[in-house]
Amino acid sequence: YHKAGDGRAPAEVRYLMTVVATASNPRFRV
């Protein structure tokens, strides 16, 4: 759902952001 050039973040960067955002909660994982 993320076409090149539309200003969206690539899948790997969205994954990385999600990992960083959830890292402090032991009940969260990605």
PDB file of all heavy atoms in Angstrom:
ATOM      1  N   TYR A   1       0.805  -1.218   0.000  1.00  0.00           N
ATOM      2  CA  TYR A   1       0.000   0.000   0.000  1.00  0.00           C
ATOM      3  C   TYR A   1       0.840   1.271   0.000  1.00  0.00           C
ATOM      4  O   TYR A   1       0.319   2.358   0.176  1.00  0.00           O
ATOM      5  CB  TYR A   1      -0.922   0.007   1.218  1.00  0.00           C
ATOM      6  CG  TYR A   1      -1.849  -1.173   1.257  1.00  0.00           C
ATOM      7  CD1 TYR A   1      -1.919  -1.972   2.385  1.00  0.00           C
ATOM      8  CD2 TYR A   1      -2.632  -1.502   0.154  1.00  0.00           C
ATOM      9  CE1 TYR A   1      -2.773  -3.064   2.428  1.00  0.00           C
ATOM     10  CE2 TYR A   1      -3.477  -2.591   0.191  1.00  0.00           C
ATOM     11  CZ  TYR A   1      -3.557  -3.363   1.327  1.00  0.00           C
ATOM     12  OH  TYR A   1      -4.390  -4.442   1.366  1.00  0.00           O
ATOM     13  N   HIS A   2       2.125   1.146  -0.182  1.00  0.00           N
ATOM     14  CA  HIS A   2       3.005   2.314  -0.091  1.00  0.00           C
ATOM     15  C   HIS A   2       3.777   2.469  -1.392  1.00  0.00           C
ATOM     16  O   HIS A   2       4.830   1.889  -1.571  1.00  0.00           O
ATOM     17  CB  HIS A   2       3.961   2.163   1.097  1.00  0.00           C
ATOM     18  CG  HIS A   2       3.201   1.979   2.376  1.00  0.00           C
ATOM     19  ND1 HIS A   2       2.788   3.030   3.147  1.00  0.00           N
ATOM     20  CD2 HIS A   2       2.736   0.870   2.976  1.00  0.00           C
ATOM     21  CE1 HIS A   2       2.111   2.574   4.190  1.00  0.00           C
ATOM     22  NE2 HIS A   2       2.068   1.263   4.103  1.00  0.00           N
ATOM     23  N   LYS A   3       3.221   3.217  -2.318  1.00  0.00           N
ATOM     24  CA  LYS A   3       3.834   3.370  -3.627  1.00  0.00           C
ATOM     25  C   LYS A   3       5.027   4.313  -3.545  1.00  0.00           C
ATOM     26  O   LYS A   3       5.025   5.280  -2.802  1.00  0.00           O
ATOM     27  CB  LYS A   3       2.800   3.908  -4.624  1.00  0.00           C
ATOM     28  CG  LYS A   3       1.610   2.958  -4.804  1.00  0.00           C
ATOM     29  CD  LYS A   3       0.589   3.556  -5.753  1.00  0.00           C
ATOM     30  CE  LYS A   3      -0.612   2.631  -5.905  1.00  0.00           C
ATOM     31  NZ  LYS A   3      -1.647   3.217  -6.791  1.00  0.00           N
ATOM     32  N   ALA A   4       6.018   4.029  -4.343  1.00  0.00           N
ATOM     33  CA  ALA A   4       7.232   4.848  -4.341  1.00  0.00           C
ATOM     34  C   ALA A   4       6.892   6.283  -4.706  1.00  0.00           C
ATOM     35  O   ALA A   4       6.105   6.546  -5.604  1.00  0.00           O
ATOM     36  CB  ALA A   4       8.242   4.273  -5.333  1.00  0.00           C
ATOM     37  N   GLY A   5       7.494   7.215  -3.994  1.00  0.00           N
ATOM     38  CA  GLY A   5       7.357   8.612  -4.348  1.00  0.00           C
ATOM     39  C   GLY A   5       6.149   9.321  -3.782  1.00  0.00           C
ATOM     40  O   GLY A   5       5.920  10.472  -4.094  1.00  0.00           O
ATOM     41  N   ASP A   6       5.331   8.659  -2.922  1.00  0.00           N
ATOM     42  CA  ASP A   6       4.149   9.340  -2.404  1.00  0.00           C
ATOM     43  C   ASP A   6       4.397   9.943  -1.025  1.00  0.00           C
ATOM     44  O   ASP A   6       3.478  10.373  -0.350  1.00  0.00           O
ATOM     45  CB  ASP A   6       2.935   8.406  -2.367  1.00  0.00           C
ATOM     46  CG  ASP A   6       3.034   7.329  -1.288  1.00  0.00           C
ATOM     47  OD1 ASP A   6       4.099   7.220  -0.653  1.00  0.00           O
ATOM     48  OD2 ASP A   6       2.042   6.617  -1.075  1.00  0.00           O
ATOM     49  N   GLY A   7       5.656   9.963  -0.595  1.00  0.00           N
ATOM     50  CA  GLY A   7       5.988  10.578   0.668  1.00  0.00           C
ATOM     51  C   GLY A   7       5.864   9.661   1.860  1.00  0.00           C
ATOM     52  O   GLY A   7       6.030  10.109   2.995  1.00  0.00           O
ATOM     53  N   ARG A   8       5.561   8.390   1.638  1.00  0.00           N
ATOM     54  CA  ARG A   8       5.420   7.442   2.743  1.00  0.00           C
ATOM     55  C   ARG A   8       6.763   6.830   3.111  1.00  0.00           C
ATOM     56  O   ARG A   8       7.714   6.834   2.338  1.00  0.00           O
ATOM     57  CB  ARG A   8       4.442   6.334   2.368  1.00  0.00           C
ATOM     58  CG  ARG A   8       3.047   6.801   2.019  1.00  0.00           C
ATOM     59  CD  ARG A   8       2.413   7.597   3.164  1.00  0.00           C
ATOM     60  NE  ARG A   8       1.018   7.834   2.911  1.00  0.00           N
ATOM     61  CZ  ARG A   8       0.052   7.012   3.296  1.00  0.00           C
ATOM     62  NH1 ARG A   8       0.345   5.920   3.952  1.00  0.00           N
ATOM     63  NH2 ARG A   8      -1.204   7.292   3.027  1.00  0.00           N
ATOM     64  N   ALA A   9       6.816   6.276   4.323  1.00  0.00           N
ATOM     65  CA  ALA A   9       8.032   5.605   4.774  1.00  0.00           C
ATOM     66  C   ALA A   9       8.076   4.178   4.251  1.00  0.00           C
ATOM     67  O   ALA A   9       7.048   3.501   4.216  1.00  0.00           O
ATOM     68  CB  ALA A   9       8.083   5.599   6.304  1.00  0.00           C
ATOM     69  N   PRO A  10       9.249   3.691   3.837  1.00  0.00           N
ATOM     70  CA  PRO A  10       9.370   2.299   3.392  1.00  0.00           C
ATOM     71  C   PRO A  10       9.022   1.336   4.518  1.00  0.00           C
ATOM     72  O   PRO A  10       9.096   1.679   5.708  1.00  0.00           O
ATOM     73  CB  PRO A  10      10.849   2.178   3.011  1.00  0.00           C
ATOM     74  CG  PRO A  10      11.328   3.579   2.824  1.00  0.00           C
ATOM     75  CD  PRO A  10      10.516   4.429   3.753  1.00  0.00           C
ATOM     76  N   ALA A  11       8.665   0.115   4.153  1.00  0.00           N
ATOM     77  CA  ALA A  11       8.247  -0.878   5.132  1.00  0.00           C
ATOM     78  C   ALA A  11       9.305  -1.107   6.209  1.00  0.00           C
ATOM     79  O   ALA A  11       8.984  -1.199   7.399  1.00  0.00           O
ATOM     80  CB  ALA A  11       7.913  -2.198   4.427  1.00  0.00           C
ATOM     81  N   GLU A  12      10.568  -1.200   5.805  1.00  0.00           N
ATOM     82  CA  GLU A  12      11.623  -1.480   6.782  1.00  0.00           C
ATOM     83  C   GLU A  12      11.779  -0.341   7.790  1.00  0.00           C
ATOM     84  O   GLU A  12      12.078  -0.576   8.963  1.00  0.00           O
ATOM     85  CB  GLU A  12      12.959  -1.744   6.076  1.00  0.00           C
ATOM     86  CG  GLU A  12      13.027  -3.070   5.338  1.00  0.00           C
ATOM     87  CD  GLU A  12      12.959  -4.279   6.279  1.00  0.00           C
ATOM     88  OE1 GLU A  12      13.212  -4.127   7.494  1.00  0.00           O
ATOM     89  OE2 GLU A  12      12.643  -5.377   5.795  1.00  0.00           O
ATOM     90  N   VAL A  13      11.564   0.895   7.349  1.00  0.00           N
ATOM     91  CA  VAL A  13      11.666   2.029   8.263  1.00  0.00           C
ATOM     92  C   VAL A  13      10.459   2.051   9.197  1.00  0.00           C
ATOM     93  O   VAL A  13      10.587   2.336  10.394  1.00  0.00           O
ATOM     94  CB  VAL A  13      11.787   3.354   7.483  1.00  0.00           C
ATOM     95  CG1 VAL A  13      11.813   4.540   8.439  1.00  0.00           C
ATOM     96  CG2 VAL A  13      13.045   3.347   6.626  1.00  0.00           C
ATOM     97  N   ARG A  14       9.275   1.741   8.693  1.00  0.00           N
ATOM     98  CA  ARG A  14       8.096   1.670   9.555  1.00  0.00           C
ATOM     99  C   ARG A  14       8.263   0.562  10.592  1.00  0.00           C
ATOM    100  O   ARG A  14       7.864   0.720  11.761  1.00  0.00           O
ATOM    101  CB  ARG A  14       6.842   1.442   8.718  1.00  0.00           C
ATOM    102  CG  ARG A  14       6.459   2.638   7.856  1.00  0.00           C
ATOM    103  CD  ARG A  14       5.133   2.454   7.145  1.00  0.00           C
ATOM    104  NE  ARG A  14       5.204   1.449   6.091  1.00  0.00           N
ATOM    105  CZ  ARG A  14       4.692   0.237   6.155  1.00  0.00           C
ATOM    106  NH1 ARG A  14       4.058  -0.162   7.247  1.00  0.00           N
ATOM    107  NH2 ARG A  14       4.803  -0.606   5.146  1.00  0.00           N
ATOM    108  N   TYR A  15       8.850  -0.558  10.174  1.00  0.00           N
ATOM    109  CA  TYR A  15       9.127  -1.639  11.121  1.00  0.00           C
ATOM    110  C   TYR A  15      10.096  -1.154  12.205  1.00  0.00           C
ATOM    111  O   TYR A  15       9.867  -1.377  13.404  1.00  0.00           O
ATOM    112  CB  TYR A  15       9.715  -2.838  10.370  1.00  0.00           C
ATOM    113  CG  TYR A  15      10.226  -3.939  11.276  1.00  0.00           C
ATOM    114  CD1 TYR A  15       9.351  -4.829  11.889  1.00  0.00           C
ATOM    115  CD2 TYR A  15      11.590  -4.077  11.522  1.00  0.00           C
ATOM    116  CE1 TYR A  15       9.824  -5.830  12.729  1.00  0.00           C
ATOM    117  CE2 TYR A  15      12.071  -5.074  12.358  1.00  0.00           C
ATOM    118  CZ  TYR A  15      11.177  -5.951  12.954  1.00  0.00           C
ATOM    119  OH  TYR A  15      11.659  -6.934  13.789  1.00  0.00           O
ATOM    120  N   LEU A  16      11.154  -0.472  11.795  1.00  0.00           N
ATOM    121  CA  LEU A  16      12.144   0.021  12.748  1.00  0.00           C
ATOM    122  C   LEU A  16      11.512   1.019  13.715  1.00  0.00           C
ATOM    123  O   LEU A  16      11.772   0.965  14.934  1.00  0.00           O
ATOM    124  CB  LEU A  16      13.307   0.671  11.995  1.00  0.00           C
ATOM    125  CG  LEU A  16      14.431   1.258  12.853  1.00  0.00           C
ATOM    126  CD1 LEU A  16      15.049   0.198  13.754  1.00  0.00           C
ATOM    127  CD2 LEU A  16      15.512   1.882  11.953  1.00  0.00           C
ATOM    128  N   MET A  17      10.682   1.929  13.209  1.00  0.00           N
ATOM    129  CA  MET A  17      10.012   2.888  14.085  1.00  0.00           C
ATOM    130  C   MET A  17       9.142   2.168  15.110  1.00  0.00           C
ATOM    131  O   MET A  17       9.081   2.567  16.285  1.00  0.00           O
ATOM    132  CB  MET A  17       9.168   3.868  13.259  1.00  0.00           C
ATOM    133  CG  MET A  17       9.981   4.896  12.491  1.00  0.00           C
ATOM    134  SD  MET A  17       8.971   6.259  11.819  1.00  0.00           S
ATOM    135  CE  MET A  17       8.074   5.407  10.512  1.00  0.00           C
ATOM    136  N   THR A  18       8.459   1.107  14.678  1.00  0.00           N
ATOM    137  CA  THR A  18       7.578   0.367  15.581  1.00  0.00           C
ATOM    138  C   THR A  18       8.381  -0.358  16.653  1.00  0.00           C
ATOM    139  O   THR A  18       7.991  -0.392  17.828  1.00  0.00           O
ATOM    140  CB  THR A  18       6.714  -0.627  14.785  1.00  0.00           C
ATOM    141  OG1 THR A  18       6.052   0.062  13.716  1.00  0.00           O
ATOM    142  CG2 THR A  18       5.660  -1.271  15.668  1.00  0.00           C
ATOM    143  N   VAL A  19       9.531  -0.920  16.267  1.00  0.00           N
ATOM    144  CA  VAL A  19      10.407  -1.573  17.242  1.00  0.00           C
ATOM    145  C   VAL A  19      10.893  -0.571  18.288  1.00  0.00           C
ATOM    146  O   VAL A  19      10.858  -0.830  19.499  1.00  0.00           O
ATOM    147  CB  VAL A  19      11.605  -2.249  16.533  1.00  0.00           C
ATOM    148  CG1 VAL A  19      12.650  -2.693  17.546  1.00  0.00           C
ATOM    149  CG2 VAL A  19      11.133  -3.437  15.700  1.00  0.00           C
ATOM    150  N   VAL A  20      11.342   0.582  17.821  1.00  0.00           N
ATOM    151  CA  VAL A  20      11.845   1.616  18.734  1.00  0.00           C
ATOM    152  C   VAL A  20      10.733   2.094  19.672  1.00  0.00           C
ATOM    153  O   VAL A  20      10.938   2.256  20.877  1.00  0.00           O
ATOM    154  CB  VAL A  20      12.433   2.792  17.926  1.00  0.00           C
ATOM    155  CG1 VAL A  20      12.687   3.995  18.822  1.00  0.00           C
ATOM    156  CG2 VAL A  20      13.719   2.373  17.230  1.00  0.00           C
ATOM    157  N   ALA A  21       9.531   2.299  19.123  1.00  0.00           N
ATOM    158  CA  ALA A  21       8.423   2.838  19.912  1.00  0.00           C
ATOM    159  C   ALA A  21       7.956   1.883  21.003  1.00  0.00           C
ATOM    160  O   ALA A  21       7.492   2.320  22.063  1.00  0.00           O
ATOM    161  CB  ALA A  21       7.255   3.180  18.990  1.00  0.00           C
ATOM    162  N   THR A  22       8.057   0.587  20.760  1.00  0.00           N
ATOM    163  CA  THR A  22       7.506  -0.402  21.692  1.00  0.00           C
ATOM    164  C   THR A  22       8.555  -1.004  22.622  1.00  0.00           C
ATOM    165  O   THR A  22       8.219  -1.788  23.507  1.00  0.00           O
ATOM    166  CB  THR A  22       6.834  -1.542  20.920  1.00  0.00           C
ATOM    167  OG1 THR A  22       7.786  -2.146  20.026  1.00  0.00           O
ATOM    168  CG2 THR A  22       5.648  -1.030  20.095  1.00  0.00           C
ATOM    169  N   ALA A  23       9.820  -0.647  22.447  1.00  0.00           N
ATOM    170  CA  ALA A  23      10.914  -1.330  23.137  1.00  0.00           C
ATOM    171  C   ALA A  23      10.838  -1.237  24.659  1.00  0.00           C
ATOM    172  O   ALA A  23      11.270  -2.158  25.358  1.00  0.00           O
ATOM    173  CB  ALA A  23      12.257  -0.779  22.658  1.00  0.00           C
ATOM    174  N   SER A  24      10.268  -0.162  25.184  1.00  0.00           N
ATOM    175  CA  SER A  24      10.286   0.030  26.635  1.00  0.00           C
ATOM    176  C   SER A  24       9.188  -0.735  27.365  1.00  0.00           C
ATOM    177  O   SER A  24       9.197  -0.791  28.602  1.00  0.00           O
ATOM    178  CB  SER A  24      10.165   1.520  26.968  1.00  0.00           C
ATOM    179  OG  SER A  24       8.923   2.034  26.533  1.00  0.00           O
ATOM    180  N   ASN A  25       8.248  -1.318  26.633  1.00  0.00           N
ATOM    181  CA  ASN A  25       7.139  -2.038  27.274  1.00  0.00           C
ATOM    182  C   ASN A  25       7.354  -3.541  27.119  1.00  0.00           C
ATOM    183  O   ASN A  25       7.313  -4.061  26.005  1.00  0.00           O
ATOM    184  CB  ASN A  25       5.809  -1.628  26.658  1.00  0.00           C
ATOM    185  CG  ASN A  25       4.614  -2.141  27.459  1.00  0.00           C
ATOM    186  OD1 ASN A  25       4.639  -3.251  27.995  1.00  0.00           O
ATOM    187  ND2 ASN A  25       3.570  -1.341  27.546  1.00  0.00           N
ATOM    188  N   PRO A  26       7.567  -4.270  28.217  1.00  0.00           N
ATOM    189  CA  PRO A  26       7.843  -5.699  28.111  1.00  0.00           C
ATOM    190  C   PRO A  26       6.669  -6.521  27.578  1.00  0.00           C
ATOM    191  O   PRO A  26       6.866  -7.658  27.158  1.00  0.00           O
ATOM    192  CB  PRO A  26       8.183  -6.105  29.550  1.00  0.00           C
ATOM    193  CG  PRO A  26       7.563  -5.053  30.411  1.00  0.00           C
ATOM    194  CD  PRO A  26       7.620  -3.786  29.619  1.00  0.00           C
ATOM    195  N   ARG A  27       5.468  -5.933  27.580  1.00  0.00           N
ATOM    196  CA  ARG A  27       4.306  -6.660  27.036  1.00  0.00           C
ATOM    197  C   ARG A  27       4.107  -6.422  25.548  1.00  0.00           C
ATOM    198  O   ARG A  27       3.233  -7.022  24.937  1.00  0.00           O
ATOM    199  CB  ARG A  27       3.027  -6.272  27.788  1.00  0.00           C
ATOM    200  CG  ARG A  27       2.890  -6.919  29.141  1.00  0.00           C
ATOM    201  CD  ARG A  27       1.435  -7.051  29.556  1.00  0.00           C
ATOM    202  NE  ARG A  27       0.837  -5.767  29.887  1.00  0.00           N
ATOM    203  CZ  ARG A  27      -0.425  -5.626  30.309  1.00  0.00           C
ATOM    204  NH1 ARG A  27      -1.201  -6.685  30.434  1.00  0.00           N
ATOM    205  NH2 ARG A  27      -0.892  -4.431  30.601  1.00  0.00           N
ATOM    206  N   PHE A  28       4.918  -5.557  24.952  1.00  0.00           N
ATOM    207  CA  PHE A  28       4.806  -5.259  23.532  1.00  0.00           C
ATOM    208  C   PHE A  28       5.945  -5.929  22.767  1.00  0.00           C
ATOM    209  O   PHE A  28       7.081  -5.967  23.236  1.00  0.00           O
ATOM    210  CB  PHE A  28       4.897  -3.749  23.272  1.00  0.00           C
ATOM    211  CG  PHE A  28       3.718  -2.953  23.764  1.00  0.00           C
ATOM    212  CD1 PHE A  28       3.769  -1.560  23.753  1.00  0.00           C
ATOM    213  CD2 PHE A  28       2.567  -3.561  24.236  1.00  0.00           C
ATOM    214  CE1 PHE A  28       2.700  -0.797  24.200  1.00  0.00           C
ATOM    215  CE2 PHE A  28       1.488  -2.814  24.686  1.00  0.00           C
ATOM    216  CZ  PHE A  28       1.559  -1.422  24.668  1.00  0.00           C
ATOM    217  N   ARG A  29       5.642  -6.441  21.577  1.00  0.00           N
ATOM    218  CA  ARG A  29       6.686  -6.878  20.657  1.00  0.00           C
ATOM    219  C   ARG A  29       6.207  -6.648  19.230  1.00  0.00           C
ATOM    220  O   ARG A  29       5.027  -6.376  18.993  1.00  0.00           O
ATOM    221  CB  ARG A  29       7.095  -8.335  20.877  1.00  0.00           C
ATOM    222  CG  ARG A  29       6.099  -9.389  20.453  1.00  0.00           C
ATOM    223  CD  ARG A  29       6.686 -10.771  20.703  1.00  0.00           C
ATOM    224  NE  ARG A  29       5.782 -11.850  20.376  1.00  0.00           N
ATOM    225  CZ  ARG A  29       5.723 -12.448  19.185  1.00  0.00           C
ATOM    226  NH1 ARG A  29       6.515 -12.051  18.191  1.00  0.00           N
ATOM    227  NH2 ARG A  29       4.875 -13.451  18.978  1.00  0.00           N
ATOM    228  N   VAL A  30       7.121  -6.745  18.290  1.00  0.00           N
ATOM    229  CA  VAL A  30       6.819  -6.444  16.888  1.00  0.00           C
ATOM    230  C   VAL A  30       7.120  -7.666  16.035  1.00  0.00           C
ATOM    231  O   VAL A  30       8.126  -8.351  16.242  1.00  0.00           O
ATOM    232  CB  VAL A  30       7.648  -5.236  16.390  1.00  0.00           C
ATOM    233  CG1 VAL A  30       7.219  -4.835  14.978  1.00  0.00           C
ATOM    234  CG2 VAL A  30       7.512  -4.058  17.348  1.00  0.00           C
TER     235      VAL A  30
END
